[in-house]
């Protein structure tokens, strides 16, 4: 393999360490790692993704901020763009847990949803 990158799997508490690289157009993973871990390491090597959690401003009521999260993981490189979009949102009660606060945030195809009732 040309360039080896060391990654730690976070799919379970074990935190298995592996080395991953590309060889002949294929992703090669070295180290003792389970199937779930292999999928995670491969995804992390190709295109890291994260679930983004944040809060949005509430315009009225006793609560000033409502916790939200992306429904699915988004590319890590888009986190700051998505945070910018989330920071511009102002909501009014009532809001139910799971309700879409921001649809297709920044063109990712992923919705931002409420994680609490308001």
PDB file of N, CA and C in Angstrom:
ATOM      1  N   UNK A   1       0.837  -1.184   0.000  1.00  0.00           N
ATOM      2  CA  UNK A   1       0.000   0.000   0.000  1.00  0.00           C
ATOM      3  C   UNK A   1       0.877   1.240   0.000  1.00  0.00           C
ATOM      4  N   UNK A   2       0.438   2.227  -0.741  1.00  0.00           N
ATOM      5  CA  UNK A   2       1.205   3.457  -0.864  1.00  0.00           C
ATOM      6  C   UNK A   2       1.252   4.236   0.445  1.00  0.00           C
ATOM      7  N   UNK A   3       0.142   4.742   0.858  1.00  0.00           N
ATOM      8  CA  UNK A   3       0.066   5.573   2.060  1.00  0.00           C
ATOM      9  C   UNK A   3      -0.869   4.911   3.058  1.00  0.00           C
ATOM     10  N   UNK A   4      -0.359   4.551   4.220  1.00  0.00           N
ATOM     11  CA  UNK A   4      -1.187   3.941   5.259  1.00  0.00           C
ATOM     12  C   UNK A   4      -1.656   5.004   6.241  1.00  0.00           C
ATOM     13  N   UNK A   5      -2.915   4.945   6.548  1.00  0.00           N
ATOM     14  CA  UNK A   5      -3.499   5.856   7.516  1.00  0.00           C
ATOM     15  C   UNK A   5      -3.995   5.027   8.695  1.00  0.00           C
ATOM     16  N   UNK A   6      -3.613   5.404   9.894  1.00  0.00           N
ATOM     17  CA  UNK A   6      -4.069   4.688  11.081  1.00  0.00           C
ATOM     18  C   UNK A   6      -5.395   5.275  11.537  1.00  0.00           C
ATOM     19  N   UNK A   7      -6.392   4.402  11.703  1.00  0.00           N
ATOM     20  CA  UNK A   7      -7.712   4.822  12.146  1.00  0.00           C
ATOM     21  C   UNK A   7      -8.155   3.960  13.322  1.00  0.00           C
ATOM     22  N   UNK A   8      -8.917   4.555  14.209  1.00  0.00           N
ATOM     23  CA  UNK A   8      -9.478   3.841  15.355  1.00  0.00           C
ATOM     24  C   UNK A   8     -10.964   3.670  15.112  1.00  0.00           C
ATOM     25  N   UNK A   9     -11.425   2.443  15.210  1.00  0.00           N
ATOM     26  CA  UNK A   9     -12.836   2.139  15.005  1.00  0.00           C
ATOM     27  C   UNK A   9     -13.622   2.581  16.239  1.00  0.00           C
ATOM     28  N   UNK A  10     -14.770   3.214  16.005  1.00  0.00           N
ATOM     29  CA  UNK A  10     -15.603   3.680  17.119  1.00  0.00           C
ATOM     30  C   UNK A  10     -16.978   3.016  17.122  1.00  0.00           C
ATOM     31  N   UNK A  11     -17.129   1.905  16.405  1.00  0.00           N
ATOM     32  CA  UNK A  11     -18.431   1.239  16.360  1.00  0.00           C
ATOM     33  C   UNK A  11     -18.769   0.509  17.652  1.00  0.00           C
ATOM     34  N   UNK A  12     -17.786   0.243  18.476  1.00  0.00           N
ATOM     35  CA  UNK A  12     -18.032  -0.363  19.783  1.00  0.00           C
ATOM     36  C   UNK A  12     -16.980   0.165  20.766  1.00  0.00           C
ATOM     37  N   UNK A  13     -17.083  -0.153  22.029  1.00  0.00           N
ATOM     38  CA  UNK A  13     -16.138   0.372  23.026  1.00  0.00           C
ATOM     39  C   UNK A  13     -14.709  -0.164  22.932  1.00  0.00           C
ATOM     40  N   UNK A  14     -14.468  -1.207  22.139  1.00  0.00           N
ATOM     41  CA  UNK A  14     -13.119  -1.774  22.056  1.00  0.00           C
ATOM     42  C   UNK A  14     -12.100  -0.802  21.470  1.00  0.00           C
ATOM     43  N   UNK A  15     -12.492   0.010  20.499  1.00  0.00           N
ATOM     44  CA  UNK A  15     -11.581   0.984  19.899  1.00  0.00           C
ATOM     45  C   UNK A  15     -10.438   0.327  19.147  1.00  0.00           C
ATOM     46  N   UNK A  16     -10.749  -0.645  18.298  1.00  0.00           N
ATOM     47  CA  UNK A  16      -9.718  -1.365  17.542  1.00  0.00           C
ATOM     48  C   UNK A  16      -8.958  -0.425  16.604  1.00  0.00           C
ATOM     49  N   UNK A  17      -7.658  -0.626  16.543  1.00  0.00           N
ATOM     50  CA  UNK A  17      -6.797   0.188  15.691  1.00  0.00           C
ATOM     51  C   UNK A  17      -6.521  -0.579  14.407  1.00  0.00           C
ATOM     52  N   UNK A  18      -6.616   0.126  13.290  1.00  0.00           N
ATOM     53  CA  UNK A  18      -6.322  -0.497  12.004  1.00  0.00           C
ATOM     54  C   UNK A  18      -5.536   0.471  11.152  1.00  0.00           C
ATOM     55  N   UNK A  19      -4.948  -0.068  10.111  1.00  0.00           N
ATOM     56  CA  UNK A  19      -4.261   0.745   9.109  1.00  0.00           C
ATOM     57  C   UNK A  19      -4.968   0.507   7.797  1.00  0.00           C
ATOM     58  N   UNK A  20      -5.210   1.586   7.089  1.00  0.00           N
ATOM     59  CA  UNK A  20      -5.959   1.494   5.851  1.00  0.00           C
ATOM     60  C   UNK A  20      -5.249   2.292   4.759  1.00  0.00           C
ATOM     61  N   UNK A  21      -5.341   1.794   3.549  1.00  0.00           N
ATOM     62  CA  UNK A  21      -4.741   2.470   2.408  1.00  0.00           C
ATOM     63  C   UNK A  21      -5.343   1.946   1.123  1.00  0.00           C
ATOM     64  N   UNK A  22      -4.918   2.527   0.039  1.00  0.00           N
ATOM     65  CA  UNK A  22      -5.419   2.121  -1.267  1.00  0.00           C
ATOM     66  C   UNK A  22      -4.297   1.436  -2.033  1.00  0.00           C
ATOM     67  N   UNK A  23      -4.635   0.307  -2.638  1.00  0.00           N
ATOM     68  CA  UNK A  23      -3.661  -0.454  -3.417  1.00  0.00           C
ATOM     69  C   UNK A  23      -4.353  -1.005  -4.655  1.00  0.00           C
ATOM     70  N   UNK A  24      -3.878  -0.609  -5.801  1.00  0.00           N
ATOM     71  CA  UNK A  24      -4.455  -1.102  -7.046  1.00  0.00           C
ATOM     72  C   UNK A  24      -5.928  -0.784  -7.209  1.00  0.00           C
ATOM     73  N   UNK A  25      -6.355   0.375  -6.709  1.00  0.00           N
ATOM     74  CA  UNK A  25      -7.753   0.776  -6.826  1.00  0.00           C
ATOM     75  C   UNK A  25      -8.674   0.143  -5.796  1.00  0.00           C
ATOM     76  N   UNK A  26      -8.125  -0.641  -4.875  1.00  0.00           N
ATOM     77  CA  UNK A  26      -8.923  -1.285  -3.831  1.00  0.00           C
ATOM     78  C   UNK A  26      -8.492  -0.769  -2.461  1.00  0.00           C
ATOM     79  N   UNK A  27      -9.451  -0.707  -1.553  1.00  0.00           N
ATOM     80  CA  UNK A  27      -9.167  -0.302  -0.174  1.00  0.00           C
ATOM     81  C   UNK A  27      -8.703  -1.537   0.594  1.00  0.00           C
ATOM     82  N   UNK A  28      -7.550  -1.436   1.214  1.00  0.00           N
ATOM     83  CA  UNK A  28      -6.983  -2.533   2.010  1.00  0.00           C
ATOM     84  C   UNK A  28      -6.941  -2.106   3.473  1.00  0.00           C
ATOM     85  N   UNK A  29      -7.441  -2.976   4.335  1.00  0.00           N
ATOM     86  CA  UNK A  29      -7.454  -2.706   5.773  1.00  0.00           C
ATOM     87  C   UNK A  29      -6.595  -3.748   6.469  1.00  0.00           C
ATOM     88  N   UNK A  30      -5.651  -3.279   7.285  1.00  0.00           N
ATOM     89  CA  UNK A  30      -4.794  -4.163   8.072  1.00  0.00           C
ATOM     90  C   UNK A  30      -5.172  -4.038   9.537  1.00  0.00           C
ATOM     91  N   UNK A  31      -5.102  -5.135  10.229  1.00  0.00           N
ATOM     92  CA  UNK A  31      -5.420  -5.139  11.652  1.00  0.00           C
ATOM     93  C   UNK A  31      -6.611  -6.028  11.920  1.00  0.00           C
ATOM     94  N   UNK A  32      -6.750  -6.404  13.165  1.00  0.00           N
ATOM     95  CA  UNK A  32      -7.854  -7.271  13.566  1.00  0.00           C
ATOM     96  C   UNK A  32      -9.082  -6.410  13.826  1.00  0.00           C
ATOM     97  N   UNK A  33     -10.072  -6.575  12.955  1.00  0.00           N
ATOM     98  CA  UNK A  33     -11.262  -5.729  13.045  1.00  0.00           C
ATOM     99  C   UNK A  33     -12.473  -6.495  12.535  1.00  0.00           C
ATOM    100  N   UNK A  34     -13.622  -6.310  13.183  1.00  0.00           N
ATOM    101  CA  UNK A  34     -14.848  -7.034  12.822  1.00  0.00           C
ATOM    102  C   UNK A  34     -15.459  -6.476  11.528  1.00  0.00           C
ATOM    103  N   UNK A  35     -16.534  -7.098  11.044  1.00  0.00           N
ATOM    104  CA  UNK A  35     -17.192  -6.660   9.798  1.00  0.00           C
ATOM    105  C   UNK A  35     -17.751  -5.240   9.926  1.00  0.00           C
ATOM    106  N   UNK A  36     -18.390  -4.951  11.062  1.00  0.00           N
ATOM    107  CA  UNK A  36     -18.912  -3.596  11.270  1.00  0.00           C
ATOM    108  C   UNK A  36     -17.765  -2.589  11.257  1.00  0.00           C
ATOM    109  N   UNK A  37     -16.689  -2.960  11.893  1.00  0.00           N
ATOM    110  CA  UNK A  37     -15.515  -2.099  11.939  1.00  0.00           C
ATOM    111  C   UNK A  37     -14.912  -1.887  10.568  1.00  0.00           C
ATOM    112  N   UNK A  38     -14.882  -2.927   9.760  1.00  0.00           N
ATOM    113  CA  UNK A  38     -14.352  -2.805   8.394  1.00  0.00           C
ATOM    114  C   UNK A  38     -15.170  -1.804   7.587  1.00  0.00           C
ATOM    115  N   UNK A  39     -16.494  -1.887   7.703  1.00  0.00           N
ATOM    116  CA  UNK A  39     -17.369  -0.956   6.983  1.00  0.00           C
ATOM    117  C   UNK A  39     -17.131   0.477   7.453  1.00  0.00           C
ATOM    118  N   UNK A  40     -16.998   0.659   8.770  1.00  0.00           N
ATOM    119  CA  UNK A  40     -16.754   1.994   9.320  1.00  0.00           C
ATOM    120  C   UNK A  40     -15.411   2.538   8.832  1.00  0.00           C
ATOM    121  N   UNK A  41     -14.357   1.735   8.934  1.00  0.00           N
ATOM    122  CA  UNK A  41     -13.015   2.174   8.542  1.00  0.00           C
ATOM    123  C   UNK A  41     -12.977   2.523   7.056  1.00  0.00           C
ATOM    124  N   UNK A  42     -13.614   1.701   6.239  1.00  0.00           N
ATOM    125  CA  UNK A  42     -13.649   1.975   4.790  1.00  0.00           C
ATOM    126  C   UNK A  42     -14.352   3.305   4.520  1.00  0.00           C
ATOM    127  N   UNK A  43     -15.516   3.507   5.143  1.00  0.00           N
ATOM    128  CA  UNK A  43     -16.254   4.761   4.963  1.00  0.00           C
ATOM    129  C   UNK A  43     -15.433   5.946   5.456  1.00  0.00           C
ATOM    130  N   UNK A  44     -14.798   5.797   6.594  1.00  0.00           N
ATOM    131  CA  UNK A  44     -14.001   6.872   7.182  1.00  0.00           C
ATOM    132  C   UNK A  44     -12.816   7.224   6.273  1.00  0.00           C
ATOM    133  N   UNK A  45     -12.250   6.243   5.613  1.00  0.00           N
ATOM    134  CA  UNK A  45     -11.126   6.470   4.715  1.00  0.00           C
ATOM    135  C   UNK A  45     -11.576   7.154   3.426  1.00  0.00           C
ATOM    136  N   UNK A  46     -12.697   6.706   2.871  1.00  0.00           N
ATOM    137  CA  UNK A  46     -13.186   7.237   1.595  1.00  0.00           C
ATOM    138  C   UNK A  46     -13.817   8.616   1.769  1.00  0.00           C
ATOM    139  N   UNK A  47     -14.787   8.708   2.679  1.00  0.00           N
ATOM    140  CA  UNK A  47     -15.501   9.968   2.909  1.00  0.00           C
ATOM    141  C   UNK A  47     -16.028   9.993   4.340  1.00  0.00           C
ATOM    142  N   UNK A  48     -15.294  10.627   5.246  1.00  0.00           N
ATOM    143  CA  UNK A  48     -15.743  10.685   6.637  1.00  0.00           C
ATOM    144  C   UNK A  48     -17.085  11.406   6.754  1.00  0.00           C
ATOM    145  N   UNK A  49     -17.977  10.851   7.567  1.00  0.00           N
ATOM    146  CA  UNK A  49     -19.290  11.450   7.799  1.00  0.00           C
ATOM    147  C   UNK A  49     -19.547  11.534   9.292  1.00  0.00           C
ATOM    148  N   UNK A  50     -20.365  12.509   9.665  1.00  0.00           N
ATOM    149  CA  UNK A  50     -20.709  12.698  11.068  1.00  0.00           C
ATOM    150  C   UNK A  50     -22.177  13.099  11.199  1.00  0.00           C
ATOM    151  N   UNK A  51     -22.779  12.716  12.325  1.00  0.00           N
ATOM    152  CA  UNK A  51     -24.080  13.238  12.717  1.00  0.00           C
ATOM    153  C   UNK A  51     -23.774  14.561  13.417  1.00  0.00           C
ATOM    154  N   UNK A  52     -24.482  15.604  13.039  1.00  0.00           N
ATOM    155  CA  UNK A  52     -24.243  16.920  13.622  1.00  0.00           C
ATOM    156  C   UNK A  52     -25.337  17.222  14.634  1.00  0.00           C
ATOM    157  N   UNK A  53     -24.946  17.577  15.826  1.00  0.00           N
ATOM    158  CA  UNK A  53     -25.906  17.997  16.851  1.00  0.00           C
ATOM    159  C   UNK A  53     -25.656  19.464  17.162  1.00  0.00           C
ATOM    160  N   UNK A  54     -26.732  20.188  17.390  1.00  0.00           N
ATOM    161  CA  UNK A  54     -26.617  21.615  17.659  1.00  0.00           C
ATOM    162  C   UNK A  54     -27.891  22.093  18.353  1.00  0.00           C
ATOM    163  N   UNK A  55     -28.109  23.390  18.338  1.00  0.00           N
ATOM    164  CA  UNK A  55     -29.338  23.976  18.843  1.00  0.00           C
ATOM    165  C   UNK A  55     -29.787  25.071  17.884  1.00  0.00           C
ATOM    166  N   UNK A  56     -31.086  25.375  17.907  1.00  0.00           N
ATOM    167  CA  UNK A  56     -31.628  26.498  17.137  1.00  0.00           C
ATOM    168  C   UNK A  56     -32.302  27.462  18.093  1.00  0.00           C
ATOM    169  N   UNK A  57     -32.346  28.719  17.685  1.00  0.00           N
ATOM    170  CA  UNK A  57     -32.957  29.756  18.522  1.00  0.00           C
ATOM    171  C   UNK A  57     -34.474  29.634  18.508  1.00  0.00           C
ATOM    172  N   UNK A  58     -35.060  29.866  19.686  1.00  0.00           N
ATOM    173  CA  UNK A  58     -36.513  29.871  19.842  1.00  0.00           C
ATOM    174  C   UNK A  58     -36.937  31.327  19.994  1.00  0.00           C
ATOM    175  N   UNK A  59     -37.906  31.762  19.166  1.00  0.00           N
ATOM    176  CA  UNK A  59     -38.315  33.167  19.161  1.00  0.00           C
ATOM    177  C   UNK A  59     -39.136  33.579  20.362  1.00  0.00           C
ATOM    178  N   UNK A  60     -39.952  32.681  20.895  1.00  0.00           N
ATOM    179  CA  UNK A  60     -40.772  33.048  22.044  1.00  0.00           C
ATOM    180  C   UNK A  60     -40.855  31.870  23.000  1.00  0.00           C
ATOM    181  N   UNK A  61     -41.164  32.170  24.232  1.00  0.00           N
ATOM    182  CA  UNK A  61     -41.260  31.112  25.229  1.00  0.00           C
ATOM    183  C   UNK A  61     -40.160  31.222  26.258  1.00  0.00           C
ATOM    184  N   UNK A  62     -40.219  30.340  27.252  1.00  0.00           N
ATOM    185  CA  UNK A  62     -39.240  30.391  28.335  1.00  0.00           C
ATOM    186  C   UNK A  62     -37.924  29.707  27.969  1.00  0.00           C
ATOM    187  N   UNK A  63     -37.966  28.852  26.949  1.00  0.00           N
ATOM    188  CA  UNK A  63     -36.752  28.159  26.508  1.00  0.00           C
ATOM    189  C   UNK A  63     -36.147  28.939  25.344  1.00  0.00           C
ATOM    190  N   UNK A  64     -34.856  29.218  25.419  1.00  0.00           N
ATOM    191  CA  UNK A  64     -34.178  30.044  24.414  1.00  0.00           C
ATOM    192  C   UNK A  64     -33.629  29.242  23.231  1.00  0.00           C
ATOM    193  N   UNK A  65     -33.305  27.949  23.450  1.00  0.00           N
ATOM    194  CA  UNK A  65     -32.698  27.131  22.401  1.00  0.00           C
ATOM    195  C   UNK A  65     -33.354  25.749  22.402  1.00  0.00           C
ATOM    196  N   UNK A  66     -33.481  25.155  21.213  1.00  0.00           N
ATOM    197  CA  UNK A  66     -34.026  23.813  21.070  1.00  0.00           C
ATOM    198  C   UNK A  66     -32.943  22.914  20.484  1.00  0.00           C
ATOM    199  N   UNK A  67     -32.675  21.754  21.093  1.00  0.00           N
ATOM    200  CA  UNK A  67     -31.660  20.855  20.536  1.00  0.00           C
ATOM    201  C   UNK A  67     -32.150  20.202  19.237  1.00  0.00           C
ATOM    202  N   UNK A  68     -31.233  20.103  18.279  1.00  0.00           N
ATOM    203  CA  UNK A  68     -31.522  19.495  16.976  1.00  0.00           C
ATOM    204  C   UNK A  68     -30.351  18.614  16.562  1.00  0.00           C
ATOM    205  N   UNK A  69     -30.597  17.785  15.533  1.00  0.00           N
ATOM    206  CA  UNK A  69     -29.518  16.959  14.977  1.00  0.00           C
ATOM    207  C   UNK A  69     -29.857  16.641  13.536  1.00  0.00           C
ATOM    208  N   UNK A  70     -28.833  16.253  12.777  1.00  0.00           N
ATOM    209  CA  UNK A  70     -29.103  15.773  11.428  1.00  0.00           C
ATOM    210  C   UNK A  70     -29.667  14.372  11.547  1.00  0.00           C
ATOM    211  N   UNK A  71     -30.629  14.058  10.685  1.00  0.00           N
ATOM    212  CA  UNK A  71     -31.272  12.743  10.746  1.00  0.00           C
ATOM    213  C   UNK A  71     -30.281  11.632  10.385  1.00  0.00           C
ATOM    214  N   UNK A  72     -29.334  11.947   9.523  1.00  0.00           N
ATOM    215  CA  UNK A  72     -28.308  10.994   9.091  1.00  0.00           C
ATOM    216  C   UNK A  72     -26.956  11.697   9.130  1.00  0.00           C
ATOM    217  N   UNK A  73     -25.915  10.918   8.967  1.00  0.00           N
ATOM    218  CA  UNK A  73     -24.572  11.481   8.911  1.00  0.00           C
ATOM    219  C   UNK A  73     -24.404  12.268   7.610  1.00  0.00           C
ATOM    220  N   UNK A  74     -23.651  13.357   7.720  1.00  0.00           N
ATOM    221  CA  UNK A  74     -23.345  14.181   6.554  1.00  0.00           C
ATOM    222  C   UNK A  74     -21.829  14.199   6.349  1.00  0.00           C
ATOM    223  N   UNK A  75     -21.367  14.499   5.141  1.00  0.00           N
ATOM    224  CA  UNK A  75     -19.920  14.560   4.922  1.00  0.00           C
ATOM    225  C   UNK A  75     -19.250  15.547   5.881  1.00  0.00           C
ATOM    226  N   UNK A  76     -18.162  15.135   6.459  1.00  0.00           N
ATOM    227  CA  UNK A  76     -17.448  15.929   7.456  1.00  0.00           C
ATOM    228  C   UNK A  76     -17.052  17.303   6.902  1.00  0.00           C
ATOM    229  N   UNK A  77     -16.743  17.357   5.633  1.00  0.00           N
ATOM    230  CA  UNK A  77     -16.311  18.612   5.021  1.00  0.00           C
ATOM    231  C   UNK A  77     -17.431  19.661   4.953  1.00  0.00           C
ATOM    232  N   UNK A  78     -18.675  19.234   5.138  1.00  0.00           N
ATOM    233  CA  UNK A  78     -19.816  20.157   5.071  1.00  0.00           C
ATOM    234  C   UNK A  78     -20.298  20.619   6.442  1.00  0.00           C
ATOM    235  N   UNK A  79     -19.646  20.202   7.516  1.00  0.00           N
ATOM    236  CA  UNK A  79     -20.120  20.528   8.869  1.00  0.00           C
ATOM    237  C   UNK A  79     -20.251  22.035   9.100  1.00  0.00           C
ATOM    238  N   UNK A  80     -19.275  22.824   8.696  1.00  0.00           N
ATOM    239  CA  UNK A  80     -19.332  24.258   8.952  1.00  0.00           C
ATOM    240  C   UNK A  80     -20.413  24.940   8.109  1.00  0.00           C
ATOM    241  N   UNK A  81     -20.601  24.488   6.876  1.00  0.00           N
ATOM    242  CA  UNK A  81     -21.663  25.040   6.030  1.00  0.00           C
ATOM    243  C   UNK A  81     -23.035  24.745   6.647  1.00  0.00           C
ATOM    244  N   UNK A  82     -23.217  23.511   7.113  1.00  0.00           N
ATOM    245  CA  UNK A  82     -24.486  23.127   7.728  1.00  0.00           C
ATOM    246  C   UNK A  82     -24.693  23.895   9.030  1.00  0.00           C
ATOM    247  N   UNK A  83     -23.656  24.078   9.817  1.00  0.00           N
ATOM    248  CA  UNK A  83     -23.772  24.864  11.050  1.00  0.00           C
ATOM    249  C   UNK A  83     -24.208  26.290  10.746  1.00  0.00           C
ATOM    250  N   UNK A  84     -23.709  26.859   9.652  1.00  0.00           N
ATOM    251  CA  UNK A  84     -24.124  28.194   9.246  1.00  0.00           C
ATOM    252  C   UNK A  84     -25.613  28.246   8.945  1.00  0.00           C
ATOM    253  N   UNK A  85     -26.096  27.233   8.243  1.00  0.00           N
ATOM    254  CA  UNK A  85     -27.525  27.168   7.914  1.00  0.00           C
ATOM    255  C   UNK A  85     -28.373  27.006   9.176  1.00  0.00           C
ATOM    256  N   UNK A  86     -27.914  26.165  10.092  1.00  0.00           N
ATOM    257  CA  UNK A  86     -28.651  25.934  11.345  1.00  0.00           C
ATOM    258  C   UNK A  86     -28.678  27.206  12.195  1.00  0.00           C
ATOM    259  N   UNK A  87     -27.568  27.939  12.228  1.00  0.00           N
ATOM    260  CA  UNK A  87     -27.500  29.136  13.079  1.00  0.00           C
ATOM    261  C   UNK A  87     -28.448  30.235  12.608  1.00  0.00           C
ATOM    262  N   UNK A  88     -28.877  30.190  11.350  1.00  0.00           N
ATOM    263  CA  UNK A  88     -29.794  31.202  10.817  1.00  0.00           C
ATOM    264  C   UNK A  88     -31.258  30.890  11.134  1.00  0.00           C
ATOM    265  N   UNK A  89     -31.542  29.707  11.652  1.00  0.00           N
ATOM    266  CA  UNK A  89     -32.923  29.281  11.892  1.00  0.00           C
ATOM    267  C   UNK A  89     -33.464  29.868  13.192  1.00  0.00           C
ATOM    268  N   UNK A  90     -34.706  30.353  13.132  1.00  0.00           N
ATOM    269  CA  UNK A  90     -35.447  30.814  14.304  1.00  0.00           C
ATOM    270  C   UNK A  90     -36.785  30.090  14.262  1.00  0.00           C
ATOM    271  N   UNK A  91     -37.164  29.451  15.357  1.00  0.00           N
ATOM    272  CA  UNK A  91     -38.416  28.685  15.383  1.00  0.00           C
ATOM    273  C   UNK A  91     -39.370  29.226  16.439  1.00  0.00           C
ATOM    274  N   UNK A  92     -40.646  28.854  16.266  1.00  0.00           N
ATOM    275  CA  UNK A  92     -41.680  29.215  17.232  1.00  0.00           C
ATOM    276  C   UNK A  92     -42.354  27.929  17.700  1.00  0.00           C
ATOM    277  N   UNK A  93     -42.683  27.839  18.997  1.00  0.00           N
ATOM    278  CA  UNK A  93     -43.412  26.675  19.503  1.00  0.00           C
ATOM    279  C   UNK A  93     -44.791  26.614  18.871  1.00  0.00           C
ATOM    280  N   UNK A  94     -45.439  25.486  18.829  1.00  0.00           N
ATOM    281  CA  UNK A  94     -44.990  24.193  19.366  1.00  0.00           C
ATOM    282  C   UNK A  94     -44.185  23.406  18.336  1.00  0.00           C
ATOM    283  N   UNK A  95     -43.254  22.642  18.828  1.00  0.00           N
ATOM    284  CA  UNK A  95     -42.422  21.743  18.023  1.00  0.00           C
ATOM    285  C   UNK A  95     -42.439  20.382  18.706  1.00  0.00           C
ATOM    286  N   UNK A  96     -42.572  19.330  17.929  1.00  0.00           N
ATOM    287  CA  UNK A  96     -42.563  17.967  18.460  1.00  0.00           C
ATOM    288  C   UNK A  96     -41.230  17.295  18.130  1.00  0.00           C
ATOM    289  N   UNK A  97     -40.790  16.422  19.006  1.00  0.00           N
ATOM    290  CA  UNK A  97     -39.567  15.665  18.780  1.00  0.00           C
ATOM    291  C   UNK A  97     -39.663  14.931  17.435  1.00  0.00           C
ATOM    292  N   UNK A  98     -38.616  14.998  16.660  1.00  0.00           N
ATOM    293  CA  UNK A  98     -38.589  14.357  15.347  1.00  0.00           C
ATOM    294  C   UNK A  98     -39.096  15.239  14.222  1.00  0.00           C
ATOM    295  N   UNK A  99     -39.678  16.375  14.558  1.00  0.00           N
ATOM    296  CA  UNK A  99     -40.188  17.292  13.537  1.00  0.00           C
ATOM    297  C   UNK A  99     -39.030  17.898  12.735  1.00  0.00           C
ATOM    298  N   UNK A 100     -39.234  18.029  11.439  1.00  0.00           N
ATOM    299  CA  UNK A 100     -38.188  18.599  10.580  1.00  0.00           C
ATOM    300  C   UNK A 100     -38.099  20.093  10.836  1.00  0.00           C
ATOM    301  N   UNK A 101     -36.917  20.537  11.180  1.00  0.00           N
ATOM    302  CA  UNK A 101     -36.649  21.951  11.435  1.00  0.00           C
ATOM    303  C   UNK A 101     -36.073  22.596  10.178  1.00  0.00           C
ATOM    304  N   UNK A 102     -35.244  21.860   9.460  1.00  0.00           N
ATOM    305  CA  UNK A 102     -34.595  22.350   8.244  1.00  0.00           C
ATOM    306  C   UNK A 102     -34.485  21.179   7.275  1.00  0.00           C
ATOM    307  N   UNK A 103     -35.248  21.222   6.187  1.00  0.00           N
ATOM    308  CA  UNK A 103     -35.237  20.119   5.212  1.00  0.00           C
ATOM    309  C   UNK A 103     -34.051  20.264   4.264  1.00  0.00           C
ATOM    310  N   UNK A 104     -33.482  19.140   3.874  1.00  0.00           N
ATOM    311  CA  UNK A 104     -32.387  19.096   2.889  1.00  0.00           C
ATOM    312  C   UNK A 104     -31.354  20.190   3.164  1.00  0.00           C
ATOM    313  N   UNK A 105     -30.819  20.168   4.356  1.00  0.00           N
ATOM    314  CA  UNK A 105     -29.899  21.216   4.797  1.00  0.00           C
ATOM    315  C   UNK A 105     -28.687  21.320   3.864  1.00  0.00           C
ATOM    316  N   UNK A 106     -28.449  22.493   3.367  1.00  0.00           N
ATOM    317  CA  UNK A 106     -27.309  22.807   2.488  1.00  0.00           C
ATOM    318  C   UNK A 106     -27.180  21.858   1.304  1.00  0.00           C
ATOM    319  N   UNK A 107     -28.290  21.336   0.829  1.00  0.00           N
ATOM    320  CA  UNK A 107     -28.274  20.453  -0.337  1.00  0.00           C
ATOM    321  C   UNK A 107     -27.689  19.077  -0.078  1.00  0.00           C
ATOM    322  N   UNK A 108     -27.656  18.658   1.177  1.00  0.00           N
ATOM    323  CA  UNK A 108     -27.086  17.347   1.531  1.00  0.00           C
ATOM    324  C   UNK A 108     -28.070  16.208   1.336  1.00  0.00           C
ATOM    325  N   UNK A 109     -29.364  16.539   1.236  1.00  0.00           N
ATOM    326  CA  UNK A 109     -30.390  15.506   1.191  1.00  0.00           C
ATOM    327  C   UNK A 109     -30.768  15.000   2.567  1.00  0.00           C
ATOM    328  N   UNK A 110     -30.225  15.634   3.607  1.00  0.00           N
ATOM    329  CA  UNK A 110     -30.454  15.225   4.994  1.00  0.00           C
ATOM    330  C   UNK A 110     -31.210  16.340   5.715  1.00  0.00           C
ATOM    331  N   UNK A 111     -32.192  15.951   6.521  1.00  0.00           N
ATOM    332  CA  UNK A 111     -32.984  16.902   7.284  1.00  0.00           C
ATOM    333  C   UNK A 111     -32.387  17.117   8.670  1.00  0.00           C
ATOM    334  N   UNK A 112     -32.609  18.309   9.218  1.00  0.00           N
ATOM    335  CA  UNK A 112     -32.289  18.607  10.602  1.00  0.00           C
ATOM    336  C   UNK A 112     -33.602  18.479  11.364  1.00  0.00           C
ATOM    337  N   UNK A 113     -33.598  17.685  12.435  1.00  0.00           N
ATOM    338  CA  UNK A 113     -34.813  17.414  13.188  1.00  0.00           C
ATOM    339  C   UNK A 113     -34.665  17.804  14.654  1.00  0.00           C
ATOM    340  N   UNK A 114     -35.806  18.099  15.275  1.00  0.00           N
ATOM    341  CA  UNK A 114     -35.839  18.442  16.701  1.00  0.00           C
ATOM    342  C   UNK A 114     -35.567  17.175  17.527  1.00  0.00           C
ATOM    343  N   UNK A 115     -34.817  17.320  18.593  1.00  0.00           N
ATOM    344  CA  UNK A 115     -34.553  16.180  19.474  1.00  0.00           C
ATOM    345  C   UNK A 115     -35.263  16.321  20.817  1.00  0.00           C
ATOM    346  N   UNK A 116     -36.183  17.286  20.899  1.00  0.00           N
ATOM    347  CA  UNK A 116     -36.974  17.469  22.109  1.00  0.00           C
ATOM    348  C   UNK A 116     -38.270  18.172  21.725  1.00  0.00           C
ATOM    349  N   UNK A 117     -39.261  18.068  22.591  1.00  0.00           N
ATOM    350  CA  UNK A 117     -40.514  18.791  22.398  1.00  0.00           C
ATOM    351  C   UNK A 117     -40.367  20.207  22.913  1.00  0.00           C
ATOM    352  N   UNK A 118     -41.113  21.109  22.288  1.00  0.00           N
ATOM    353  CA  UNK A 118     -41.083  22.501  22.728  1.00  0.00           C
ATOM    354  C   UNK A 118     -42.508  23.006  22.812  1.00  0.00           C
TER     355      UNK A 118
END
